[in-house]
Amino acid sequence: MATSLALDNIISASALARARAVSDGVAVAVIRDLVRTSSITVADLARVIGPRRTLDRRLKDGTPLSVDESDRFVRFAAVLDLATSIFGGRDAAMAWLRDAKRAFDGTAPLDLLRTDAGARAVEELLIRARHGMLA
């Protein structure tokens, strides 16, 4: 059964609640709401979650994300929240996430969020930016 947690609830949820949301599979309604109400596109999410065709099919059918897809989405949501708090809004956060970074050998942070190790690298760079170091 898919979780009923909305994006903001996923971000603010306890670690256990996030783990349960991942295990249950994030509801595609969360994805639809996010894409409808912000500068984030399905293409952006596909860069993190998985193949665009699979994501499009889940959105069409209303099928919850798989555990792996949900894990990547929750990781994206956490990094998006951190970037939003640093850059002052989702538009600026997404612009930063989409833009290739020298610190990542020309890779965009968004493309690193597919793995836990990549997400940690992005979080570290964001935390350095928060403390005034160039990102």
N, C-alpha and C. Protein backbone atom coordinates (compact mmCIF):
# COMPACT_ATOMS: atom_id res chain seq x y z
N MET A 1 0.84 -1.19 0.00
CA MET A 1 0.00 0.00 0.00
C MET A 1 0.88 1.24 0.00
N ALA A 2 0.57 2.19 -0.85
CA ALA A 2 1.39 3.39 -0.97
C ALA A 2 1.16 4.31 0.22
N THR A 3 2.21 5.01 0.55
CA THR A 3 2.13 5.95 1.66
C THR A 3 1.28 7.16 1.26
N SER A 4 0.68 7.77 2.24
CA SER A 4 -0.11 8.95 1.96
C SER A 4 0.64 10.22 2.34
N LEU A 5 1.92 10.10 2.68
CA LEU A 5 2.69 11.26 3.06
C LEU A 5 2.90 12.18 1.86
N ALA A 6 2.65 13.47 2.05
CA ALA A 6 2.94 14.47 1.03
C ALA A 6 4.42 14.83 1.11
N LEU A 7 4.91 15.54 0.11
CA LEU A 7 6.33 15.88 0.05
C LEU A 7 6.80 16.57 1.32
N ASP A 8 6.11 17.62 1.76
CA ASP A 8 6.54 18.34 2.95
C ASP A 8 6.52 17.43 4.18
N ASN A 9 5.57 16.51 4.22
CA ASN A 9 5.53 15.57 5.34
C ASN A 9 6.68 14.57 5.27
N ILE A 10 7.05 14.17 4.07
CA ILE A 10 8.19 13.26 3.91
C ILE A 10 9.46 13.95 4.41
N ILE A 11 9.62 15.20 4.03
CA ILE A 11 10.81 15.94 4.42
C ILE A 11 10.90 16.10 5.93
N SER A 12 9.78 16.41 6.56
CA SER A 12 9.80 16.68 8.00
C SER A 12 9.57 15.44 8.86
N ALA A 13 9.31 14.31 8.24
CA ALA A 13 9.01 13.08 8.99
C ALA A 13 10.25 12.56 9.70
N SER A 14 10.01 11.77 10.71
CA SER A 14 11.12 11.11 11.41
C SER A 14 11.79 10.13 10.46
N ALA A 15 12.98 9.70 10.81
CA ALA A 15 13.71 8.73 9.98
C ALA A 15 12.89 7.45 9.83
N LEU A 16 12.22 7.02 10.88
CA LEU A 16 11.42 5.80 10.81
C LEU A 16 10.23 5.99 9.86
N ALA A 17 9.57 7.14 9.93
CA ALA A 17 8.43 7.39 9.03
C ALA A 17 8.89 7.44 7.57
N ARG A 18 10.07 8.05 7.34
CA ARG A 18 10.61 8.07 5.97
C ARG A 18 10.93 6.66 5.50
N ALA A 19 11.50 5.86 6.38
CA ALA A 19 11.82 4.47 6.02
C ALA A 19 10.55 3.71 5.67
N ARG A 20 9.49 3.93 6.43
CA ARG A 20 8.21 3.27 6.13
C ARG A 20 7.63 3.75 4.81
N ALA A 21 7.76 5.05 4.54
CA ALA A 21 7.27 5.60 3.27
C ALA A 21 8.01 4.95 2.10
N VAL A 22 9.31 4.76 2.27
CA VAL A 22 10.11 4.11 1.23
C VAL A 22 9.65 2.67 1.06
N SER A 23 9.49 1.96 2.16
CA SER A 23 9.07 0.55 2.10
C SER A 23 7.69 0.38 1.48
N ASP A 24 6.79 1.32 1.80
CA ASP A 24 5.42 1.25 1.26
C ASP A 24 5.36 1.65 -0.21
N GLY A 25 6.31 2.46 -0.64
CA GLY A 25 6.30 3.00 -2.00
C GLY A 25 5.63 4.36 -1.99
N VAL A 26 6.38 5.37 -2.40
CA VAL A 26 5.83 6.73 -2.44
C VAL A 26 4.72 6.78 -3.48
N ALA A 27 3.60 7.37 -3.08
CA ALA A 27 2.45 7.52 -3.98
C ALA A 27 2.78 8.49 -5.10
N VAL A 28 2.34 8.17 -6.30
CA VAL A 28 2.62 9.06 -7.44
C VAL A 28 1.91 10.40 -7.28
N ALA A 29 0.94 10.49 -6.42
CA ALA A 29 0.28 11.78 -6.17
C ALA A 29 1.30 12.80 -5.66
N VAL A 30 2.28 12.34 -4.90
CA VAL A 30 3.33 13.23 -4.40
C VAL A 30 4.13 13.79 -5.57
N ILE A 31 4.44 12.93 -6.52
CA ILE A 31 5.18 13.34 -7.72
C ILE A 31 4.34 14.33 -8.53
N ARG A 32 3.07 13.99 -8.75
CA ARG A 32 2.19 14.88 -9.52
C ARG A 32 2.09 16.25 -8.88
N ASP A 33 1.91 16.30 -7.55
CA ASP A 33 1.80 17.57 -6.84
C ASP A 33 3.09 18.38 -6.97
N LEU A 34 4.21 17.72 -6.84
CA LEU A 34 5.50 18.40 -6.92
C LEU A 34 5.71 19.01 -8.30
N VAL A 35 5.43 18.24 -9.33
CA VAL A 35 5.62 18.72 -10.71
C VAL A 35 4.63 19.83 -11.04
N ARG A 36 3.42 19.72 -10.54
CA ARG A 36 2.38 20.70 -10.83
C ARG A 36 2.62 22.04 -10.13
N THR A 37 3.24 22.01 -8.96
CA THR A 37 3.31 23.23 -8.15
C THR A 37 4.70 23.84 -8.05
N SER A 38 5.64 23.40 -8.88
CA SER A 38 6.98 23.97 -8.77
C SER A 38 7.71 23.92 -10.10
N SER A 39 8.95 24.36 -10.06
CA SER A 39 9.77 24.38 -11.27
C SER A 39 10.45 23.03 -11.53
N ILE A 40 10.07 22.03 -10.80
CA ILE A 40 10.64 20.69 -10.97
C ILE A 40 9.84 19.96 -12.04
N THR A 41 10.54 19.34 -12.97
CA THR A 41 9.89 18.64 -14.07
C THR A 41 9.98 17.13 -13.87
N VAL A 42 9.16 16.42 -14.63
CA VAL A 42 9.24 14.96 -14.63
C VAL A 42 10.62 14.53 -15.11
N ALA A 43 11.17 15.26 -16.07
CA ALA A 43 12.52 14.95 -16.57
C ALA A 43 13.56 15.08 -15.46
N ASP A 44 13.43 16.12 -14.61
CA ASP A 44 14.34 16.27 -13.46
C ASP A 44 14.24 15.04 -12.56
N LEU A 45 13.02 14.66 -12.25
CA LEU A 45 12.82 13.53 -11.35
C LEU A 45 13.32 12.22 -11.95
N ALA A 46 13.15 12.07 -13.25
CA ALA A 46 13.63 10.86 -13.91
C ALA A 46 15.15 10.75 -13.83
N ARG A 47 15.84 11.88 -13.82
CA ARG A 47 17.30 11.85 -13.67
C ARG A 47 17.71 11.22 -12.35
N VAL A 48 16.84 11.32 -11.35
CA VAL A 48 17.13 10.78 -10.02
C VAL A 48 16.46 9.43 -9.80
N ILE A 49 15.19 9.34 -10.13
CA ILE A 49 14.40 8.17 -9.77
C ILE A 49 14.67 6.97 -10.67
N GLY A 50 14.70 7.20 -11.97
CA GLY A 50 14.89 6.09 -12.90
C GLY A 50 14.40 6.47 -14.28
N PRO A 51 14.31 5.51 -15.18
CA PRO A 51 13.96 5.79 -16.57
C PRO A 51 12.66 6.60 -16.71
N ARG A 52 12.70 7.56 -17.61
CA ARG A 52 11.54 8.44 -17.84
C ARG A 52 10.30 7.63 -18.23
N ARG A 53 10.48 6.63 -19.08
CA ARG A 53 9.33 5.83 -19.51
C ARG A 53 8.67 5.13 -18.33
N THR A 54 9.47 4.62 -17.42
CA THR A 54 8.93 3.95 -16.23
C THR A 54 8.18 4.95 -15.37
N LEU A 55 8.77 6.11 -15.17
CA LEU A 55 8.12 7.14 -14.35
C LEU A 55 6.82 7.61 -15.01
N ASP A 56 6.85 7.82 -16.32
CA ASP A 56 5.63 8.22 -17.04
C ASP A 56 4.53 7.15 -16.88
N ARG A 57 4.92 5.88 -16.98
CA ARG A 57 3.94 4.80 -16.85
C ARG A 57 3.36 4.79 -15.43
N ARG A 58 4.20 4.96 -14.42
CA ARG A 58 3.70 4.99 -13.04
C ARG A 58 2.73 6.16 -12.85
N LEU A 59 3.06 7.31 -13.41
CA LEU A 59 2.18 8.47 -13.30
C LEU A 59 0.85 8.22 -14.00
N LYS A 60 0.89 7.58 -15.16
CA LYS A 60 -0.33 7.29 -15.91
C LYS A 60 -1.21 6.27 -15.18
N ASP A 61 -0.56 5.22 -14.68
CA ASP A 61 -1.30 4.12 -14.04
C ASP A 61 -1.62 4.37 -12.56
N GLY A 62 -0.93 5.34 -11.96
CA GLY A 62 -1.12 5.59 -10.54
C GLY A 62 -0.42 4.58 -9.64
N THR A 63 0.54 3.86 -10.21
CA THR A 63 1.28 2.84 -9.47
C THR A 63 2.31 3.51 -8.57
N PRO A 64 2.37 3.14 -7.29
CA PRO A 64 3.38 3.72 -6.40
C PRO A 64 4.79 3.42 -6.90
N LEU A 65 5.72 4.23 -6.48
CA LEU A 65 7.12 3.99 -6.81
C LEU A 65 7.58 2.70 -6.12
N SER A 66 8.54 2.03 -6.74
CA SER A 66 9.14 0.84 -6.11
C SER A 66 9.94 1.29 -4.89
N VAL A 67 10.41 0.34 -4.13
CA VAL A 67 11.23 0.66 -2.96
C VAL A 67 12.47 1.44 -3.38
N ASP A 68 13.18 0.96 -4.41
CA ASP A 68 14.39 1.66 -4.86
C ASP A 68 14.07 3.05 -5.39
N GLU A 69 13.01 3.17 -6.17
CA GLU A 69 12.61 4.48 -6.69
C GLU A 69 12.20 5.41 -5.55
N SER A 70 11.46 4.88 -4.59
CA SER A 70 11.04 5.67 -3.43
C SER A 70 12.24 6.14 -2.63
N ASP A 71 13.23 5.28 -2.46
CA ASP A 71 14.44 5.63 -1.73
C ASP A 71 15.15 6.79 -2.43
N ARG A 72 15.27 6.71 -3.75
CA ARG A 72 15.91 7.80 -4.49
C ARG A 72 15.08 9.08 -4.41
N PHE A 73 13.76 8.96 -4.45
CA PHE A 73 12.91 10.15 -4.37
C PHE A 73 13.04 10.82 -3.00
N VAL A 74 13.02 10.03 -1.94
CA VAL A 74 13.14 10.59 -0.59
C VAL A 74 14.51 11.25 -0.42
N ARG A 75 15.53 10.65 -0.98
CA ARG A 75 16.88 11.24 -0.93
C ARG A 75 16.86 12.58 -1.67
N PHE A 76 16.23 12.62 -2.87
CA PHE A 76 16.09 13.86 -3.62
C PHE A 76 15.36 14.91 -2.79
N ALA A 77 14.26 14.52 -2.15
CA ALA A 77 13.46 15.47 -1.36
C ALA A 77 14.28 16.09 -0.24
N ALA A 78 15.11 15.28 0.42
CA ALA A 78 15.94 15.80 1.51
C ALA A 78 16.98 16.79 1.00
N VAL A 79 17.61 16.46 -0.12
CA VAL A 79 18.62 17.36 -0.69
C VAL A 79 17.95 18.63 -1.22
N LEU A 80 16.79 18.49 -1.85
CA LEU A 80 16.05 19.65 -2.32
C LEU A 80 15.70 20.58 -1.16
N ASP A 81 15.29 20.02 -0.06
CA ASP A 81 14.96 20.83 1.12
C ASP A 81 16.19 21.58 1.62
N LEU A 82 17.32 20.90 1.69
CA LEU A 82 18.56 21.55 2.13
C LEU A 82 18.95 22.65 1.17
N ALA A 83 18.92 22.37 -0.14
CA ALA A 83 19.29 23.37 -1.14
C ALA A 83 18.33 24.56 -1.11
N THR A 84 17.05 24.29 -0.91
CA THR A 84 16.05 25.36 -0.84
C THR A 84 16.33 26.28 0.35
N SER A 85 16.70 25.70 1.47
CA SER A 85 16.98 26.52 2.66
C SER A 85 18.24 27.36 2.46
N ILE A 86 19.18 26.88 1.68
CA ILE A 86 20.42 27.61 1.45
C ILE A 86 20.25 28.70 0.39
N PHE A 87 19.55 28.37 -0.70
CA PHE A 87 19.44 29.30 -1.82
C PHE A 87 18.17 30.13 -1.81
N GLY A 88 17.30 29.93 -0.84
CA GLY A 88 16.16 30.80 -0.65
C GLY A 88 14.90 30.46 -1.42
N GLY A 89 14.88 29.38 -2.14
CA GLY A 89 13.67 28.97 -2.85
C GLY A 89 13.94 27.78 -3.74
N ARG A 90 12.85 27.12 -4.15
CA ARG A 90 12.99 25.91 -4.97
C ARG A 90 13.55 26.20 -6.35
N ASP A 91 13.17 27.35 -6.93
CA ASP A 91 13.69 27.67 -8.27
C ASP A 91 15.22 27.78 -8.23
N ALA A 92 15.73 28.51 -7.26
CA ALA A 92 17.18 28.68 -7.13
C ALA A 92 17.85 27.35 -6.78
N ALA A 93 17.21 26.58 -5.92
CA ALA A 93 17.76 25.27 -5.54
C ALA A 93 17.85 24.35 -6.75
N MET A 94 16.79 24.32 -7.55
CA MET A 94 16.81 23.45 -8.73
C MET A 94 17.82 23.94 -9.76
N ALA A 95 17.96 25.24 -9.90
CA ALA A 95 18.97 25.77 -10.83
C ALA A 95 20.36 25.30 -10.40
N TRP A 96 20.63 25.34 -9.10
CA TRP A 96 21.92 24.88 -8.59
C TRP A 96 22.08 23.37 -8.81
N LEU A 97 21.03 22.61 -8.54
CA LEU A 97 21.11 21.16 -8.69
C LEU A 97 21.30 20.72 -10.14
N ARG A 98 20.75 21.49 -11.08
CA ARG A 98 20.84 21.14 -12.50
C ARG A 98 22.19 21.50 -13.12
N ASP A 99 22.87 22.47 -12.53
CA ASP A 99 24.08 23.03 -13.12
C ASP A 99 25.31 22.19 -12.78
N ALA A 100 26.10 21.85 -13.80
CA ALA A 100 27.34 21.08 -13.59
C ALA A 100 28.26 21.83 -12.64
N LYS A 101 28.94 21.08 -11.81
CA LYS A 101 29.84 21.67 -10.81
C LYS A 101 31.27 21.18 -11.01
N ARG A 102 32.20 22.10 -10.93
CA ARG A 102 33.61 21.74 -11.02
C ARG A 102 33.98 20.77 -9.89
N ALA A 103 33.40 20.97 -8.72
CA ALA A 103 33.68 20.10 -7.58
C ALA A 103 33.31 18.65 -7.86
N PHE A 104 32.41 18.44 -8.81
CA PHE A 104 31.97 17.08 -9.18
C PHE A 104 32.46 16.71 -10.57
N ASP A 105 33.59 17.28 -10.97
CA ASP A 105 34.18 17.00 -12.28
C ASP A 105 33.21 17.23 -13.43
N GLY A 106 32.42 18.30 -13.31
CA GLY A 106 31.51 18.67 -14.38
C GLY A 106 30.17 17.95 -14.35
N THR A 107 29.90 17.20 -13.31
CA THR A 107 28.62 16.51 -13.17
C THR A 107 27.65 17.40 -12.40
N ALA A 108 26.40 17.38 -12.81
CA ALA A 108 25.37 18.13 -12.10
C ALA A 108 25.00 17.39 -10.81
N PRO A 109 24.82 18.12 -9.71
CA PRO A 109 24.43 17.46 -8.46
C PRO A 109 23.19 16.58 -8.61
N LEU A 110 22.24 17.01 -9.42
CA LEU A 110 21.02 16.24 -9.63
C LEU A 110 21.33 14.81 -10.09
N ASP A 111 22.35 14.68 -10.93
CA ASP A 111 22.71 13.36 -11.45
C ASP A 111 23.42 12.49 -10.43
N LEU A 112 23.92 13.08 -9.38
CA LEU A 112 24.59 12.32 -8.32
C LEU A 112 23.62 11.75 -7.30
N LEU A 113 22.39 12.23 -7.31
CA LEU A 113 21.41 11.83 -6.29
C LEU A 113 20.87 10.42 -6.49
N ARG A 114 21.27 9.74 -7.55
CA ARG A 114 20.81 8.36 -7.79
C ARG A 114 21.41 7.39 -6.78
N THR A 115 22.54 7.79 -6.16
CA THR A 115 23.18 6.90 -5.19
C THR A 115 23.32 7.61 -3.84
N ASP A 116 23.41 6.81 -2.81
CA ASP A 116 23.61 7.37 -1.47
C ASP A 116 24.95 8.10 -1.38
N ALA A 117 25.99 7.52 -1.96
CA ALA A 117 27.31 8.14 -1.92
C ALA A 117 27.29 9.49 -2.65
N GLY A 118 26.63 9.54 -3.79
CA GLY A 118 26.52 10.79 -4.53
C GLY A 118 25.74 11.84 -3.76
N ALA A 119 24.65 11.41 -3.14
CA ALA A 119 23.83 12.34 -2.35
C ALA A 119 24.63 12.91 -1.18
N ARG A 120 25.44 12.07 -0.55
CA ARG A 120 26.28 12.56 0.56
C ARG A 120 27.28 13.60 0.07
N ALA A 121 27.84 13.39 -1.12
CA ALA A 121 28.78 14.37 -1.69
C ALA A 121 28.06 15.70 -1.95
N VAL A 122 26.86 15.63 -2.48
CA VAL A 122 26.07 16.85 -2.74
C VAL A 122 25.74 17.54 -1.42
N GLU A 123 25.30 16.79 -0.42
CA GLU A 123 24.99 17.37 0.88
C GLU A 123 26.21 18.05 1.48
N GLU A 124 27.38 17.43 1.37
CA GLU A 124 28.61 18.03 1.91
C GLU A 124 28.91 19.36 1.23
N LEU A 125 28.75 19.42 -0.10
CA LEU A 125 29.00 20.66 -0.82
C LEU A 125 27.98 21.73 -0.42
N LEU A 126 26.73 21.34 -0.26
CA LEU A 126 25.71 22.29 0.18
C LEU A 126 26.00 22.81 1.59
N ILE A 127 26.44 21.96 2.47
CA ILE A 127 26.76 22.39 3.83
C ILE A 127 27.94 23.36 3.81
N ARG A 128 28.92 23.09 2.94
CA ARG A 128 30.04 24.03 2.80
C ARG A 128 29.52 25.37 2.28
N ALA A 129 28.57 25.33 1.33
CA ALA A 129 28.00 26.57 0.79
C ALA A 129 27.26 27.34 1.89
N ARG A 130 26.56 26.61 2.74
CA ARG A 130 25.83 27.24 3.86
C ARG A 130 26.79 28.01 4.76
N HIS A 131 28.01 27.49 4.89
CA HIS A 131 28.99 28.11 5.77
C HIS A 131 29.90 29.09 5.03
N GLY A 132 29.49 29.47 3.81
CA GLY A 132 30.18 30.54 3.09
C GLY A 132 31.27 30.09 2.16
N MET A 133 31.47 28.79 2.02
CA MET A 133 32.46 28.31 1.07
C MET A 133 31.81 28.19 -0.30
N LEU A 134 32.56 28.46 -1.34
CA LEU A 134 32.00 28.45 -2.69
C LEU A 134 31.49 27.07 -3.06
N ALA A 135 30.30 27.03 -3.70
CA ALA A 135 29.74 25.80 -4.22
C ALA A 135 29.64 25.93 -5.70
